[in-house]
């Protein structure tokens, strides 16, 4: 048991960090932060554009539906006018 304690004490004793260790850690942290900012920007962009795209698509569908409705009403109006002309021919 004493050997184990000695080995643990030796393994856990403070050591000097290798040369350049702090710079590597800071560089890795900056790189990680840059990637995180890129992902956040992309996610923000998507959160803004997706609803706008859906709203535009819905607006386009509504415009097509209104155009189809106008056409259907014009056709129905023409048919009704023809039916009225046949029922009430002009008298001279």
Protein backbone atom coordinates (compact mmCIF):
# COMPACT_ATOMS: atom_id res chain seq x y z
CA UNK A 1 0.00 0.00 0.00
CA UNK A 2 2.87 2.31 0.75
CA UNK A 3 4.24 1.90 -2.77
CA UNK A 4 0.87 2.88 -4.18
CA UNK A 5 0.79 6.00 -2.02
CA UNK A 6 4.30 6.95 -3.11
CA UNK A 7 3.42 6.43 -6.77
CA UNK A 8 0.29 8.58 -6.39
CA UNK A 9 2.21 11.32 -4.61
CA UNK A 10 4.85 11.32 -7.35
CA UNK A 11 2.23 11.32 -10.13
CA UNK A 12 0.23 14.14 -8.53
CA UNK A 13 3.12 16.39 -7.62
CA UNK A 14 3.09 19.80 -9.41
CA UNK A 15 5.06 19.95 -12.64
CA UNK A 16 6.18 22.72 -14.93
CA UNK A 17 4.03 23.01 -18.05
CA UNK A 18 5.76 22.17 -21.33
CA UNK A 19 7.05 25.06 -23.43
CA UNK A 20 4.31 26.68 -25.50
CA UNK A 21 1.51 24.96 -23.61
CA UNK A 22 -0.33 28.18 -22.69
CA UNK A 23 -0.13 29.46 -26.28
CA UNK A 24 -1.53 26.20 -27.65
CA UNK A 25 -4.41 26.27 -25.16
CA UNK A 26 -5.23 29.90 -26.00
CA UNK A 27 -5.02 29.20 -29.75
CA UNK A 28 -7.35 26.22 -29.41
CA UNK A 29 -9.77 28.33 -27.38
CA UNK A 30 -9.79 31.10 -30.01
CA UNK A 31 -10.38 28.54 -32.74
CA UNK A 32 -13.25 27.00 -30.77
CA UNK A 33 -14.78 30.42 -30.19
CA UNK A 34 -14.49 31.31 -33.88
CA UNK A 35 -16.28 28.09 -34.87
CA UNK A 36 -18.98 28.75 -32.26
CA UNK A 37 -19.50 32.29 -33.63
CA UNK A 38 -19.80 30.89 -37.16
CA UNK A 39 -22.43 28.37 -36.05
CA UNK A 40 -24.31 31.03 -34.10
CA UNK A 41 -24.32 33.35 -37.11
CA UNK A 42 -25.58 30.55 -39.36
CA UNK A 43 -28.29 29.58 -36.88
CA UNK A 44 -29.38 33.21 -36.47
CA UNK A 45 -29.48 33.62 -40.24
CA UNK A 46 -31.64 30.50 -40.56
CA UNK A 47 -33.98 31.63 -37.78
CA UNK A 48 -34.56 34.90 -39.62
CA UNK A 49 -34.78 33.58 -43.19
CA UNK A 50 -36.84 30.42 -42.73
CA UNK A 51 -39.95 32.16 -41.39
CA UNK A 52 -39.56 34.87 -44.04
CA UNK A 53 -39.35 32.16 -46.72
CA UNK A 54 -42.43 30.43 -45.36
CA UNK A 55 -44.35 33.71 -45.25
CA UNK A 56 -43.34 34.46 -48.85
CA UNK A 57 -44.37 30.98 -49.98
CA UNK A 58 -47.73 31.34 -48.23
CA UNK A 59 -48.20 34.76 -49.83
CA UNK A 60 -47.46 33.27 -53.28
CA UNK A 61 -49.97 30.46 -52.68
CA UNK A 62 -52.58 32.98 -51.62
CA UNK A 63 -51.93 35.06 -54.74
CA UNK A 64 -52.37 31.97 -56.96
CA UNK A 65 -55.57 31.01 -55.14
CA UNK A 66 -56.97 34.53 -55.59
CA UNK A 67 -56.11 34.50 -59.31
CA UNK A 68 -57.83 31.12 -59.72
CA UNK A 69 -60.88 32.39 -57.85
CA UNK A 70 -61.09 35.50 -60.07
CA UNK A 71 -60.86 33.33 -63.19
CA UNK A 72 -63.54 30.97 -61.88
CA UNK A 73 -65.83 33.93 -61.12
CA UNK A 74 -65.27 35.38 -64.61
CA UNK A 75 -66.11 32.05 -66.24
CA UNK A 76 -69.21 31.65 -64.05
CA UNK A 77 -70.30 35.21 -64.85
CA UNK A 78 -69.93 34.61 -68.60
CA UNK A 79 -71.91 31.37 -68.37
CA UNK A 80 -74.68 33.07 -66.39
CA UNK A 81 -74.84 35.91 -68.93
CA UNK A 82 -75.14 33.38 -71.77
CA UNK A 83 -77.90 31.53 -69.91
CA UNK A 84 -79.76 34.82 -69.31
CA UNK A 85 -79.46 35.76 -72.98
CA UNK A 86 -80.95 32.42 -73.99
CA UNK A 87 -83.78 32.73 -71.49
CA UNK A 88 -84.52 36.36 -72.39
CA UNK A 89 -83.74 36.88 -76.05
CA UNK A 90 -83.65 40.53 -77.15
CA UNK A 91 -87.00 41.70 -78.56
CA UNK A 92 -87.29 44.11 -81.44
